Each structure stands twice: as C-alpha cells, then as structure tokens.
Amino acid sequence: MVNDRTSEAGRARLTALIPSVVGLTSDDPLLDVLLAVRAASAALPVAAEERQRSQAVGLRVALTALAERDDERAAESRELADAALRTAPAADAWAIQFIAKVGRGRPGMTVRQCREIVSGAVEGIARACVGDPDERLVALLIAAVSDTARFVGRPLEAVDVRAKVDAPVTV
C-alpha cells in the first residue's frame, strides 16, 4: 500500500526495507490490530477531517478489542491510540457519538476491518496537506516492519532508510 501511494522519488527509499520484510509474517489476528493502530495513529493528526473520522472510529474499535489484553504490546498500542485521538478531539468526539449511535458490532476486530483502517490511513497520509507525505509513509512502513519483527520475535537489523526520513519514527 505504501509503495502505491509513494512518489517515484520516495519509492526508491523503500528498497532498503525489502530484505527486512522477506519472510516476516504471522497468522495471529492481534498483529493486524496492532498494525491498524500504528497506521491510524500516524494518519489521524494529518489527515483531512472526513478521513480523521473513520480513523478515529477504527482506533476506538481497536481500543475496545485491546482492552481485555494485559500485555506490553497491547498497552503500547493503547497508549499510541490514545495519544493520536488527543490530536484530533473533534474526530474522536464524532467517533464516540457514531459508535454510540450505530453500536459496536461484533466484539473484537476482523482482519478485513484492520486492513481497511490501514488502507484509509495510508491514503489519508498520502493526500494530507503536509509537505512531507513520502517521509511520513516511509516512517509508517519502517514502524510497521519493526512492530511486526518484534511481534514475531525476529530481531530487526537497522535499516539505512532511517537516516533519510525526516518524519518522526516511533518504534
């Protein structure tokens, strides 16, 4: 997704990540939730308001899905989601009202929901009125790769692309 929304110039920086993602997979649906939180948290502060709303709803649903988990990864994701929601209080208020009105639906989150959140987040960052969408997308991808490597217990070697990214990378 990031590759599709990054400019030609920005895409060249993604090649440094290829070795680190080979074989990096998990069938655990918790990883999808964690990555959805990562992506929505990156998009929420910069996305247009109409995109912020869907990302805020996604974060609220993810927070509910993570609420019963008592592990470090879930706690970190909850903190990341809470911090992102604080950056867009109007979108958060809208999400709370929306969920109250339509209901939460099924407990937990589906892989499809998580992928839609990630897709919307990437699109939101790519279209954001910021001067550095490529840097933000690359930073998101680096963080997602790092999160995934940590989740599956694989050490992640330093990626040279970090020095080329000006956007904040929280791993």
N, C-alpha and C. Protein backbone atom coordinates (compact mmCIF):
# COMPACT_ATOMS: atom_id res chain seq x y z
N MET A 1 0.81 -1.20 0.00
CA MET A 1 0.00 0.00 0.00
C MET A 1 0.86 1.27 0.00
N VAL A 2 1.85 1.29 0.87
CA VAL A 2 2.72 2.46 0.94
C VAL A 2 3.43 2.66 -0.40
N ASN A 3 3.89 1.57 -0.99
CA ASN A 3 4.56 1.65 -2.28
C ASN A 3 3.66 2.31 -3.33
N ASP A 4 2.39 1.97 -3.32
CA ASP A 4 1.45 2.52 -4.30
C ASP A 4 1.19 4.00 -4.12
N ARG A 5 1.33 4.51 -2.92
CA ARG A 5 1.00 5.91 -2.62
C ARG A 5 2.23 6.79 -2.45
N THR A 6 3.41 6.23 -2.65
CA THR A 6 4.64 6.99 -2.54
C THR A 6 5.07 7.46 -3.92
N SER A 7 5.64 8.64 -3.99
CA SER A 7 6.12 9.18 -5.27
C SER A 7 7.28 8.33 -5.79
N GLU A 8 7.61 8.51 -7.06
CA GLU A 8 8.75 7.78 -7.64
C GLU A 8 10.03 8.04 -6.85
N ALA A 9 10.25 9.29 -6.49
CA ALA A 9 11.45 9.63 -5.72
C ALA A 9 11.43 8.94 -4.36
N GLY A 10 10.28 8.94 -3.71
CA GLY A 10 10.17 8.32 -2.40
C GLY A 10 10.25 6.81 -2.46
N ARG A 11 9.77 6.24 -3.55
CA ARG A 11 9.74 4.78 -3.69
C ARG A 11 11.14 4.18 -3.66
N ALA A 12 12.11 4.90 -4.17
CA ALA A 12 13.48 4.39 -4.18
C ALA A 12 13.97 4.10 -2.76
N ARG A 13 13.49 4.85 -1.80
CA ARG A 13 13.92 4.64 -0.41
C ARG A 13 13.34 3.37 0.19
N LEU A 14 12.26 2.88 -0.39
CA LEU A 14 11.62 1.69 0.15
C LEU A 14 12.43 0.42 -0.12
N THR A 15 13.27 0.43 -1.14
CA THR A 15 14.01 -0.78 -1.49
C THR A 15 14.92 -1.24 -0.36
N ALA A 16 15.38 -0.33 0.47
CA ALA A 16 16.24 -0.72 1.60
C ALA A 16 15.50 -1.60 2.59
N LEU A 17 14.17 -1.54 2.57
CA LEU A 17 13.38 -2.34 3.51
C LEU A 17 13.14 -3.77 3.03
N ILE A 18 13.35 -4.04 1.76
CA ILE A 18 13.00 -5.35 1.20
C ILE A 18 13.62 -6.50 1.98
N PRO A 19 14.91 -6.51 2.26
CA PRO A 19 15.48 -7.65 2.99
C PRO A 19 14.84 -7.85 4.37
N SER A 20 14.41 -6.79 5.00
CA SER A 20 13.87 -6.92 6.35
C SER A 20 12.45 -7.46 6.37
N VAL A 21 11.75 -7.45 5.24
CA VAL A 21 10.37 -7.94 5.25
C VAL A 21 10.24 -9.35 4.69
N VAL A 22 11.28 -9.87 4.06
CA VAL A 22 11.22 -11.21 3.50
C VAL A 22 10.96 -12.22 4.62
N GLY A 23 9.89 -12.98 4.48
CA GLY A 23 9.53 -13.99 5.46
C GLY A 23 8.94 -13.47 6.75
N LEU A 24 8.62 -12.21 6.80
CA LEU A 24 8.10 -11.59 8.02
C LEU A 24 6.57 -11.66 8.01
N THR A 25 6.03 -12.76 8.55
CA THR A 25 4.58 -12.96 8.54
C THR A 25 4.09 -13.54 9.86
N SER A 26 2.79 -13.41 10.06
CA SER A 26 2.13 -14.01 11.22
C SER A 26 0.66 -14.19 10.88
N ASP A 27 0.09 -15.28 11.36
CA ASP A 27 -1.34 -15.53 11.18
C ASP A 27 -2.14 -15.04 12.38
N ASP A 28 -1.49 -14.49 13.38
CA ASP A 28 -2.16 -14.03 14.59
C ASP A 28 -2.92 -12.73 14.28
N PRO A 29 -4.25 -12.73 14.43
CA PRO A 29 -5.02 -11.52 14.12
C PRO A 29 -4.69 -10.33 15.02
N LEU A 30 -4.05 -10.57 16.15
CA LEU A 30 -3.64 -9.45 17.01
C LEU A 30 -2.66 -8.54 16.27
N LEU A 31 -1.80 -9.12 15.47
CA LEU A 31 -0.85 -8.29 14.71
C LEU A 31 -1.60 -7.32 13.80
N ASP A 32 -2.67 -7.77 13.18
CA ASP A 32 -3.46 -6.88 12.32
C ASP A 32 -4.01 -5.70 13.11
N VAL A 33 -4.46 -5.96 14.33
CA VAL A 33 -4.99 -4.89 15.18
C VAL A 33 -3.88 -3.90 15.53
N LEU A 34 -2.72 -4.42 15.91
CA LEU A 34 -1.60 -3.56 16.28
C LEU A 34 -1.15 -2.70 15.10
N LEU A 35 -1.12 -3.28 13.91
CA LEU A 35 -0.71 -2.52 12.72
C LEU A 35 -1.77 -1.50 12.33
N ALA A 36 -3.04 -1.84 12.54
CA ALA A 36 -4.11 -0.87 12.27
C ALA A 36 -3.98 0.33 13.21
N VAL A 37 -3.69 0.07 14.46
CA VAL A 37 -3.48 1.16 15.42
C VAL A 37 -2.28 2.00 15.00
N ARG A 38 -1.20 1.36 14.62
CA ARG A 38 0.00 2.08 14.19
C ARG A 38 -0.34 3.01 13.02
N ALA A 39 -1.03 2.48 12.02
CA ALA A 39 -1.33 3.27 10.82
C ALA A 39 -2.31 4.40 11.11
N ALA A 40 -3.38 4.09 11.82
CA ALA A 40 -4.38 5.12 12.13
C ALA A 40 -3.78 6.21 13.01
N SER A 41 -2.89 5.83 13.91
CA SER A 41 -2.25 6.82 14.78
C SER A 41 -1.33 7.75 14.00
N ALA A 42 -0.73 7.24 12.95
CA ALA A 42 0.12 8.08 12.10
C ALA A 42 -0.72 9.01 11.23
N ALA A 43 -1.88 8.54 10.80
CA ALA A 43 -2.72 9.33 9.88
C ALA A 43 -3.57 10.36 10.60
N LEU A 44 -4.08 10.03 11.75
CA LEU A 44 -5.07 10.89 12.41
C LEU A 44 -4.62 12.34 12.57
N PRO A 45 -3.40 12.62 13.00
CA PRO A 45 -3.01 14.02 13.18
C PRO A 45 -2.90 14.84 11.89
N VAL A 46 -2.76 14.18 10.74
CA VAL A 46 -2.51 14.94 9.50
C VAL A 46 -3.59 14.78 8.44
N ALA A 47 -4.44 13.80 8.56
CA ALA A 47 -5.45 13.53 7.53
C ALA A 47 -6.53 14.60 7.53
N ALA A 48 -7.21 14.71 6.39
CA ALA A 48 -8.35 15.62 6.30
C ALA A 48 -9.44 15.16 7.26
N GLU A 49 -10.29 16.09 7.67
CA GLU A 49 -11.29 15.80 8.70
C GLU A 49 -12.16 14.60 8.37
N GLU A 50 -12.64 14.50 7.13
CA GLU A 50 -13.51 13.37 6.81
C GLU A 50 -12.77 12.04 6.92
N ARG A 51 -11.48 12.04 6.68
CA ARG A 51 -10.68 10.83 6.87
C ARG A 51 -10.35 10.62 8.34
N GLN A 52 -10.20 11.69 9.08
CA GLN A 52 -9.94 11.57 10.52
C GLN A 52 -11.06 10.81 11.21
N ARG A 53 -12.26 11.06 10.79
CA ARG A 53 -13.41 10.41 11.46
C ARG A 53 -13.33 8.90 11.36
N SER A 54 -13.09 8.38 10.17
CA SER A 54 -13.02 6.92 10.02
C SER A 54 -11.82 6.35 10.78
N GLN A 55 -10.72 7.08 10.80
CA GLN A 55 -9.55 6.61 11.54
C GLN A 55 -9.82 6.63 13.05
N ALA A 56 -10.54 7.63 13.51
CA ALA A 56 -10.88 7.70 14.94
C ALA A 56 -11.82 6.56 15.32
N VAL A 57 -12.78 6.26 14.46
CA VAL A 57 -13.67 5.11 14.72
C VAL A 57 -12.83 3.84 14.79
N GLY A 58 -11.92 3.67 13.84
CA GLY A 58 -11.05 2.50 13.84
C GLY A 58 -10.23 2.39 15.12
N LEU A 59 -9.69 3.51 15.57
CA LEU A 59 -8.92 3.49 16.82
C LEU A 59 -9.79 3.16 18.01
N ARG A 60 -10.99 3.70 18.05
CA ARG A 60 -11.91 3.40 19.17
C ARG A 60 -12.26 1.91 19.19
N VAL A 61 -12.53 1.34 18.02
CA VAL A 61 -12.84 -0.10 17.94
C VAL A 61 -11.62 -0.92 18.36
N ALA A 62 -10.45 -0.50 17.92
CA ALA A 62 -9.22 -1.20 18.29
C ALA A 62 -8.98 -1.12 19.80
N LEU A 63 -9.24 0.04 20.38
CA LEU A 63 -9.07 0.17 21.83
C LEU A 63 -9.97 -0.80 22.58
N THR A 64 -11.18 -0.97 22.09
CA THR A 64 -12.09 -1.94 22.71
C THR A 64 -11.55 -3.36 22.54
N ALA A 65 -11.04 -3.67 21.36
CA ALA A 65 -10.50 -5.01 21.11
C ALA A 65 -9.27 -5.29 21.97
N LEU A 66 -8.50 -4.25 22.25
CA LEU A 66 -7.28 -4.42 23.05
C LEU A 66 -7.51 -4.30 24.55
N ALA A 67 -8.68 -3.85 24.94
CA ALA A 67 -8.95 -3.55 26.36
C ALA A 67 -8.76 -4.75 27.27
N GLU A 68 -9.09 -5.93 26.79
CA GLU A 68 -9.02 -7.12 27.64
C GLU A 68 -7.63 -7.73 27.67
N ARG A 69 -6.76 -7.28 26.83
CA ARG A 69 -5.40 -7.83 26.77
C ARG A 69 -4.53 -7.13 27.81
N ASP A 70 -3.75 -7.92 28.51
CA ASP A 70 -2.89 -7.38 29.55
C ASP A 70 -1.43 -7.71 29.24
N ASP A 71 -0.98 -7.23 28.08
CA ASP A 71 0.41 -7.46 27.72
C ASP A 71 1.03 -6.15 27.24
N GLU A 72 2.33 -6.15 27.14
CA GLU A 72 3.06 -4.93 26.80
C GLU A 72 2.68 -4.38 25.43
N ARG A 73 2.54 -5.26 24.44
CA ARG A 73 2.20 -4.79 23.09
C ARG A 73 0.85 -4.09 23.07
N ALA A 74 -0.12 -4.69 23.71
CA ALA A 74 -1.46 -4.09 23.74
C ALA A 74 -1.43 -2.76 24.49
N ALA A 75 -0.70 -2.71 25.59
CA ALA A 75 -0.59 -1.47 26.36
C ALA A 75 0.05 -0.37 25.53
N GLU A 76 1.11 -0.70 24.81
CA GLU A 76 1.77 0.29 23.95
C GLU A 76 0.83 0.78 22.85
N SER A 77 0.08 -0.14 22.27
CA SER A 77 -0.87 0.25 21.22
C SER A 77 -1.99 1.12 21.77
N ARG A 78 -2.44 0.80 22.97
CA ARG A 78 -3.47 1.65 23.59
C ARG A 78 -2.93 3.06 23.82
N GLU A 79 -1.70 3.16 24.30
CA GLU A 79 -1.09 4.48 24.52
C GLU A 79 -0.95 5.24 23.20
N LEU A 80 -0.53 4.56 22.16
CA LEU A 80 -0.38 5.17 20.84
C LEU A 80 -1.72 5.67 20.33
N ALA A 81 -2.76 4.85 20.47
CA ALA A 81 -4.10 5.23 20.02
C ALA A 81 -4.63 6.42 20.82
N ASP A 82 -4.47 6.36 22.13
CA ASP A 82 -4.94 7.47 22.97
C ASP A 82 -4.25 8.78 22.60
N ALA A 83 -2.95 8.72 22.38
CA ALA A 83 -2.20 9.93 22.01
C ALA A 83 -2.69 10.48 20.67
N ALA A 84 -2.94 9.60 19.72
CA ALA A 84 -3.43 10.04 18.41
C ALA A 84 -4.82 10.66 18.53
N LEU A 85 -5.68 10.05 19.31
CA LEU A 85 -7.03 10.59 19.48
C LEU A 85 -7.01 11.97 20.13
N ARG A 86 -6.04 12.20 21.00
CA ARG A 86 -5.92 13.53 21.61
C ARG A 86 -5.52 14.60 20.59
N THR A 87 -4.91 14.21 19.48
CA THR A 87 -4.51 15.19 18.46
C THR A 87 -5.69 15.63 17.60
N ALA A 88 -6.77 14.88 17.65
CA ALA A 88 -7.95 15.20 16.83
C ALA A 88 -9.21 15.06 17.68
N PRO A 89 -9.39 15.94 18.66
CA PRO A 89 -10.52 15.79 19.59
C PRO A 89 -11.89 15.84 18.91
N ALA A 90 -12.03 16.61 17.86
CA ALA A 90 -13.33 16.67 17.17
C ALA A 90 -13.63 15.33 16.49
N ALA A 91 -12.64 14.74 15.87
CA ALA A 91 -12.83 13.43 15.23
C ALA A 91 -13.11 12.36 16.28
N ASP A 92 -12.43 12.44 17.42
CA ASP A 92 -12.66 11.49 18.49
C ASP A 92 -14.08 11.61 19.03
N ALA A 93 -14.53 12.84 19.26
CA ALA A 93 -15.90 13.05 19.74
C ALA A 93 -16.90 12.51 18.73
N TRP A 94 -16.65 12.76 17.45
CA TRP A 94 -17.54 12.26 16.40
C TRP A 94 -17.56 10.73 16.42
N ALA A 95 -16.40 10.10 16.58
CA ALA A 95 -16.31 8.64 16.60
C ALA A 95 -17.09 8.06 17.78
N ILE A 96 -16.96 8.68 18.93
CA ILE A 96 -17.68 8.21 20.11
C ILE A 96 -19.19 8.29 19.87
N GLN A 97 -19.65 9.39 19.32
CA GLN A 97 -21.08 9.55 19.03
C GLN A 97 -21.53 8.56 17.96
N PHE A 98 -20.72 8.37 16.94
CA PHE A 98 -21.06 7.44 15.87
C PHE A 98 -21.21 6.02 16.40
N ILE A 99 -20.25 5.58 17.19
CA ILE A 99 -20.29 4.23 17.75
C ILE A 99 -21.49 4.08 18.68
N ALA A 100 -21.80 5.10 19.46
CA ALA A 100 -22.96 5.05 20.35
C ALA A 100 -24.25 4.93 19.54
N LYS A 101 -24.29 5.59 18.41
CA LYS A 101 -25.49 5.60 17.58
C LYS A 101 -25.69 4.28 16.83
N VAL A 102 -24.64 3.76 16.20
CA VAL A 102 -24.78 2.56 15.38
C VAL A 102 -24.42 1.28 16.12
N GLY A 103 -23.80 1.40 17.27
CA GLY A 103 -23.41 0.22 18.03
C GLY A 103 -22.01 -0.24 17.66
N ARG A 104 -21.46 -1.06 18.50
CA ARG A 104 -20.09 -1.52 18.30
C ARG A 104 -19.98 -2.67 17.31
N GLY A 105 -21.06 -3.36 17.06
CA GLY A 105 -20.97 -4.53 16.19
C GLY A 105 -20.41 -5.71 16.94
N ARG A 106 -19.79 -6.60 16.20
CA ARG A 106 -19.22 -7.79 16.82
C ARG A 106 -18.04 -7.43 17.71
N PRO A 107 -17.82 -8.22 18.75
CA PRO A 107 -16.64 -7.96 19.58
C PRO A 107 -15.36 -8.21 18.78
N GLY A 108 -14.32 -7.53 19.18
CA GLY A 108 -13.03 -7.70 18.50
C GLY A 108 -12.98 -6.96 17.19
N MET A 109 -12.00 -7.31 16.39
CA MET A 109 -11.83 -6.71 15.06
C MET A 109 -11.51 -7.81 14.08
N THR A 110 -12.04 -7.66 12.88
CA THR A 110 -11.71 -8.63 11.84
C THR A 110 -10.46 -8.17 11.10
N VAL A 111 -9.83 -9.10 10.43
CA VAL A 111 -8.66 -8.78 9.62
C VAL A 111 -9.07 -7.78 8.54
N ARG A 112 -10.25 -7.95 7.98
CA ARG A 112 -10.73 -7.04 6.95
C ARG A 112 -10.86 -5.61 7.49
N GLN A 113 -11.42 -5.47 8.68
CA GLN A 113 -11.53 -4.14 9.29
C GLN A 113 -10.15 -3.51 9.46
N CYS A 114 -9.23 -4.29 9.94
CA CYS A 114 -7.87 -3.78 10.16
C CYS A 114 -7.24 -3.33 8.86
N ARG A 115 -7.43 -4.11 7.82
CA ARG A 115 -6.84 -3.75 6.53
C ARG A 115 -7.49 -2.51 5.95
N GLU A 116 -8.77 -2.33 6.17
CA GLU A 116 -9.45 -1.11 5.71
C GLU A 116 -8.92 0.11 6.46
N ILE A 117 -8.66 -0.05 7.74
CA ILE A 117 -8.09 1.05 8.53
C ILE A 117 -6.71 1.42 7.99
N VAL A 118 -5.88 0.41 7.76
CA VAL A 118 -4.54 0.67 7.24
C VAL A 118 -4.62 1.34 5.87
N SER A 119 -5.47 0.83 5.02
CA SER A 119 -5.63 1.41 3.68
C SER A 119 -6.07 2.87 3.76
N GLY A 120 -7.05 3.14 4.60
CA GLY A 120 -7.52 4.52 4.79
C GLY A 120 -6.46 5.42 5.38
N ALA A 121 -5.65 4.86 6.26
CA ALA A 121 -4.58 5.65 6.88
C ALA A 121 -3.51 6.02 5.85
N VAL A 122 -3.11 5.05 5.06
CA VAL A 122 -2.10 5.31 4.03
C VAL A 122 -2.62 6.35 3.05
N GLU A 123 -3.86 6.21 2.62
CA GLU A 123 -4.46 7.18 1.71
C GLU A 123 -4.55 8.55 2.37
N GLY A 124 -4.93 8.58 3.63
CA GLY A 124 -5.02 9.84 4.36
C GLY A 124 -3.69 10.56 4.47
N ILE A 125 -2.64 9.81 4.72
CA ILE A 125 -1.31 10.42 4.80
C ILE A 125 -0.86 10.89 3.42
N ALA A 126 -1.10 10.07 2.41
CA ALA A 126 -0.67 10.43 1.05
C ALA A 126 -1.36 11.70 0.56
N ARG A 127 -2.61 11.90 0.96
CA ARG A 127 -3.37 13.06 0.49
C ARG A 127 -3.36 14.23 1.48
N ALA A 128 -2.69 14.07 2.59
CA ALA A 128 -2.68 15.11 3.62
C ALA A 128 -1.99 16.37 3.10
N CYS A 129 -2.43 17.48 3.62
CA CYS A 129 -1.82 18.77 3.26
C CYS A 129 -0.59 19.00 4.12
N VAL A 130 0.40 18.18 3.88
CA VAL A 130 1.68 18.29 4.58
C VAL A 130 2.77 18.31 3.51
N GLY A 131 3.88 18.85 3.85
CA GLY A 131 4.97 18.95 2.89
C GLY A 131 5.78 17.68 2.73
N ASP A 132 5.51 16.68 3.57
CA ASP A 132 6.36 15.50 3.58
C ASP A 132 5.59 14.18 3.59
N PRO A 133 4.60 13.99 2.71
CA PRO A 133 3.84 12.74 2.77
C PRO A 133 4.70 11.50 2.53
N ASP A 134 5.67 11.59 1.62
CA ASP A 134 6.54 10.43 1.39
C ASP A 134 7.30 10.06 2.65
N GLU A 135 7.86 11.05 3.33
CA GLU A 135 8.62 10.77 4.55
C GLU A 135 7.73 10.13 5.61
N ARG A 136 6.51 10.62 5.70
CA ARG A 136 5.58 10.06 6.68
C ARG A 136 5.19 8.62 6.33
N LEU A 137 5.00 8.36 5.04
CA LEU A 137 4.66 7.00 4.62
C LEU A 137 5.83 6.05 4.85
N VAL A 138 7.03 6.49 4.54
CA VAL A 138 8.21 5.66 4.78
C VAL A 138 8.38 5.42 6.29
N ALA A 139 8.18 6.44 7.09
CA ALA A 139 8.28 6.29 8.55
C ALA A 139 7.25 5.30 9.06
N LEU A 140 6.03 5.36 8.51
CA LEU A 140 4.99 4.41 8.90
C LEU A 140 5.40 2.99 8.54
N LEU A 141 5.91 2.81 7.35
CA LEU A 141 6.32 1.48 6.92
C LEU A 141 7.46 0.94 7.79
N ILE A 142 8.42 1.78 8.10
CA ILE A 142 9.53 1.35 8.98
C ILE A 142 8.98 0.93 10.34
N ALA A 143 8.08 1.71 10.89
CA ALA A 143 7.50 1.38 12.19
C ALA A 143 6.70 0.08 12.11
N ALA A 144 5.95 -0.12 11.03
CA ALA A 144 5.15 -1.34 10.87
C ALA A 144 6.06 -2.57 10.74
N VAL A 145 7.13 -2.44 10.00
CA VAL A 145 8.08 -3.55 9.86
C VAL A 145 8.71 -3.86 11.22
N SER A 146 9.08 -2.83 11.95
CA SER A 146 9.66 -3.02 13.28
C SER A 146 8.67 -3.68 14.23
N ASP A 147 7.42 -3.20 14.19
CA ASP A 147 6.37 -3.80 15.04
C ASP A 147 6.19 -5.28 14.72
N THR A 148 6.16 -5.59 13.43
CA THR A 148 5.95 -6.97 13.00
C THR A 148 7.13 -7.85 13.41
N ALA A 149 8.34 -7.37 13.19
CA ALA A 149 9.52 -8.14 13.58
C ALA A 149 9.51 -8.42 15.09
N ARG A 150 9.18 -7.42 15.85
CA ARG A 150 9.11 -7.59 17.31
C ARG A 150 8.01 -8.58 17.68
N PHE A 151 6.87 -8.49 17.00
CA PHE A 151 5.73 -9.36 17.29
C PHE A 151 6.08 -10.83 17.04
N VAL A 152 6.78 -11.10 15.95
CA VAL A 152 7.11 -12.49 15.61
C VAL A 152 8.41 -12.95 16.27
N GLY A 153 9.06 -12.04 17.02
CA GLY A 153 10.27 -12.41 17.74
C GLY A 153 11.50 -12.47 16.87
N ARG A 154 11.50 -11.70 15.81
CA ARG A 154 12.66 -11.67 14.92
C ARG A 154 13.42 -10.37 15.12
N PRO A 155 14.72 -10.46 15.37
CA PRO A 155 15.48 -9.21 15.52
C PRO A 155 15.49 -8.45 14.20
N LEU A 156 15.35 -7.17 14.30
CA LEU A 156 15.34 -6.33 13.11
C LEU A 156 16.64 -5.54 13.06
N GLU A 157 17.37 -5.75 12.00
CA GLU A 157 18.62 -5.01 11.83
C GLU A 157 18.30 -3.59 11.42
N ALA A 158 19.18 -2.69 11.74
CA ALA A 158 18.99 -1.29 11.38
C ALA A 158 18.84 -1.16 9.87
N VAL A 159 17.93 -0.31 9.47
CA VAL A 159 17.65 -0.08 8.06
C VAL A 159 18.22 1.28 7.69
N ASP A 160 19.00 1.31 6.64
CA ASP A 160 19.65 2.56 6.22
C ASP A 160 18.68 3.68 5.91
N VAL A 161 17.45 3.37 5.55
CA VAL A 161 16.49 4.38 5.14
C VAL A 161 16.14 5.33 6.28
N ARG A 162 16.34 4.95 7.52
CA ARG A 162 16.01 5.81 8.66
C ARG A 162 16.67 7.18 8.56
N ALA A 163 17.90 7.22 8.16
CA ALA A 163 18.62 8.49 8.07
C ALA A 163 18.01 9.41 7.02
N LYS A 164 17.26 8.84 6.09
CA LYS A 164 16.68 9.62 5.01
C LYS A 164 15.26 10.08 5.32
N VAL A 165 14.74 9.69 6.46
CA VAL A 165 13.36 10.02 6.81
C VAL A 165 13.36 11.15 7.81
N ASP A 166 12.68 12.24 7.46
CA ASP A 166 12.62 13.40 8.35
C ASP A 166 11.42 13.36 9.29
N ALA A 167 10.40 12.55 8.96
CA ALA A 167 9.21 12.46 9.80
C ALA A 167 9.54 11.63 11.03
N PRO A 168 8.84 11.87 12.14
CA PRO A 168 9.14 11.12 13.35
C PRO A 168 8.82 9.64 13.18
N VAL A 169 9.70 8.79 13.63
CA VAL A 169 9.50 7.35 13.58
C VAL A 169 9.45 6.86 15.01
N THR A 170 8.32 6.32 15.41
CA THR A 170 8.16 5.81 16.76
C THR A 170 8.11 4.30 16.68
N VAL A 171 9.14 3.63 17.18
CA VAL A 171 9.18 2.17 17.15
C VAL A 171 9.28 1.61 18.54
